[in-house]
Amino acid sequence: MGDGAAYFYIAFVAEDGDVVPAFLPRRAENRDHALRAARALAATYAGAMAWSAKSGGEGIEVLFSQGVIGDIE
């Protein structure tokens, strides 16, 4: 896309009263891929999220969030 952003998605599961990532954040090919993946995961997991990160580490922008979201550190 040329905007210098990277796109990611993740899903969360409820485990022993906590919400934890179902897997490590996955990098998407582009914004649309991240959104489609997160929306599909939200249908079967406790929660899902897609976000973009600008190059240079200037923070993230949440593109999609549904359900219960845990910590992704």
C-alpha atoms as a PDB file:
ATOM      1  CA  MET A   1       0.000   0.000   0.000  1.00  0.00           C
ATOM      2  CA  GLY A   2       2.982   2.260   0.333  1.00  0.00           C
ATOM      3  CA  ASP A   3       1.884   3.902   3.588  1.00  0.00           C
ATOM      4  CA  GLY A   4       4.702   2.354   5.637  1.00  0.00           C
ATOM      5  CA  ALA A   5       2.268   0.510   7.900  1.00  0.00           C
ATOM      6  CA  ALA A   6       2.293  -3.150   8.867  1.00  0.00           C
ATOM      7  CA  TYR A   7      -0.988  -4.944   9.581  1.00  0.00           C
ATOM      8  CA  PHE A   8      -1.650  -7.591  12.229  1.00  0.00           C
ATOM      9  CA  TYR A   9      -4.459  -9.659  13.740  1.00  0.00           C
ATOM     10  CA  ILE A  10      -4.925 -11.859  16.800  1.00  0.00           C
ATOM     11  CA  ALA A  11      -7.597 -13.911  18.570  1.00  0.00           C
ATOM     12  CA  PHE A  12      -8.179 -14.413  22.294  1.00  0.00           C
ATOM     13  CA  VAL A  13      -9.482 -17.308  24.396  1.00  0.00           C
ATOM     14  CA  ALA A  14     -10.867 -17.398  27.930  1.00  0.00           C
ATOM     15  CA  GLU A  15      -8.677 -19.651  30.053  1.00  0.00           C
ATOM     16  CA  ASP A  16      -9.118 -20.190  33.808  1.00  0.00           C
ATOM     17  CA  GLY A  17     -10.835 -16.829  34.237  1.00  0.00           C
ATOM     18  CA  ASP A  18      -8.244 -14.927  32.193  1.00  0.00           C
ATOM     19  CA  VAL A  19      -8.296 -13.813  28.585  1.00  0.00           C
ATOM     20  CA  VAL A  20      -5.124 -14.811  26.765  1.00  0.00           C
ATOM     21  CA  PRO A  21      -3.946 -14.743  23.150  1.00  0.00           C
ATOM     22  CA  ALA A  22      -4.863 -17.888  21.226  1.00  0.00           C
ATOM     23  CA  PHE A  23      -1.627 -17.476  19.238  1.00  0.00           C
ATOM     24  CA  LEU A  24       1.103 -14.897  18.624  1.00  0.00           C
ATOM     25  CA  PRO A  25       0.053 -11.858  16.575  1.00  0.00           C
ATOM     26  CA  ARG A  26       0.026 -12.706  12.884  1.00  0.00           C
ATOM     27  CA  ARG A  27       1.128 -10.306  10.194  1.00  0.00           C
ATOM     28  CA  ALA A  28      -1.376  -9.724   7.405  1.00  0.00           C
ATOM     29  CA  GLU A  29      -0.608  -8.981   3.762  1.00  0.00           C
ATOM     30  CA  ASN A  30      -2.586  -5.733   3.903  1.00  0.00           C
ATOM     31  CA  ARG A  31      -5.364  -3.879   5.741  1.00  0.00           C
ATOM     32  CA  ASP A  32      -8.190  -5.843   4.115  1.00  0.00           C
ATOM     33  CA  HIS A  33      -6.569  -9.178   4.965  1.00  0.00           C
ATOM     34  CA  ALA A  34      -6.158  -8.146   8.623  1.00  0.00           C
ATOM     35  CA  LEU A  35      -9.801  -7.070   8.841  1.00  0.00           C
ATOM     36  CA  ARG A  36     -11.163 -10.210   7.163  1.00  0.00           C
ATOM     37  CA  ALA A  37      -9.047 -12.481   9.352  1.00  0.00           C
ATOM     38  CA  ALA A  38     -10.022 -10.744  12.596  1.00  0.00           C
ATOM     39  CA  ARG A  39     -13.720 -10.732  11.725  1.00  0.00           C
ATOM     40  CA  ALA A  40     -13.629 -14.436  10.896  1.00  0.00           C
ATOM     41  CA  LEU A  41     -11.777 -15.252  14.131  1.00  0.00           C
ATOM     42  CA  ALA A  42     -14.266 -13.218  16.194  1.00  0.00           C
ATOM     43  CA  ALA A  43     -16.971 -15.693  15.198  1.00  0.00           C
ATOM     44  CA  THR A  44     -15.239 -18.611  16.957  1.00  0.00           C
ATOM     45  CA  TYR A  45     -12.999 -17.079  19.640  1.00  0.00           C
ATOM     46  CA  ALA A  46     -13.757 -15.041  22.782  1.00  0.00           C
ATOM     47  CA  GLY A  47     -12.422 -11.970  20.983  1.00  0.00           C
ATOM     48  CA  ALA A  48     -10.358 -10.790  18.041  1.00  0.00           C
ATOM     49  CA  MET A  49      -8.530  -7.666  16.978  1.00  0.00           C
ATOM     50  CA  ALA A  50      -6.814  -6.207  13.905  1.00  0.00           C
ATOM     51  CA  TRP A  51      -4.439  -3.259  13.997  1.00  0.00           C
ATOM     52  CA  SER A  52      -1.843  -1.368  12.023  1.00  0.00           C
ATOM     53  CA  ALA A  53       1.566  -0.242  13.193  1.00  0.00           C
ATOM     54  CA  LYS A  54       3.423   2.583  11.501  1.00  0.00           C
ATOM     55  CA  SER A  55       7.062   2.119  10.665  1.00  0.00           C
ATOM     56  CA  GLY A  56       9.284   3.916  13.142  1.00  0.00           C
ATOM     57  CA  GLY A  57       7.301   2.719  16.163  1.00  0.00           C
ATOM     58  CA  GLU A  58       4.848   5.623  16.358  1.00  0.00           C
ATOM     59  CA  GLY A  59       2.075   3.568  17.950  1.00  0.00           C
ATOM     60  CA  ILE A  60      -0.756   1.433  16.691  1.00  0.00           C
ATOM     61  CA  GLU A  61      -4.192   2.081  15.244  1.00  0.00           C
ATOM     62  CA  VAL A  62      -6.913  -0.426  16.124  1.00  0.00           C
ATOM     63  CA  LEU A  63      -8.824  -1.272  12.963  1.00  0.00           C
ATOM     64  CA  PHE A  64     -11.234  -3.824  14.430  1.00  0.00           C
ATOM     65  CA  SER A  65     -11.986  -5.152  17.898  1.00  0.00           C
ATOM     66  CA  GLN A  66     -14.788  -7.476  18.925  1.00  0.00           C
ATOM     67  CA  GLY A  67     -15.470  -9.527  22.023  1.00  0.00           C
ATOM     68  CA  VAL A  68     -13.149  -9.883  24.981  1.00  0.00           C
ATOM     69  CA  ILE A  69      -9.672  -8.536  24.288  1.00  0.00           C
ATOM     70  CA  GLY A  70      -6.647  -9.360  26.423  1.00  0.00           C
ATOM     71  CA  ASP A  71      -3.129  -8.010  26.631  1.00  0.00           C
ATOM     72  CA  ILE A  72      -0.970  -8.499  23.535  1.00  0.00           C
ATOM     73  CA  GLU A  73       2.378  -7.540  25.004  1.00  0.00           C
END
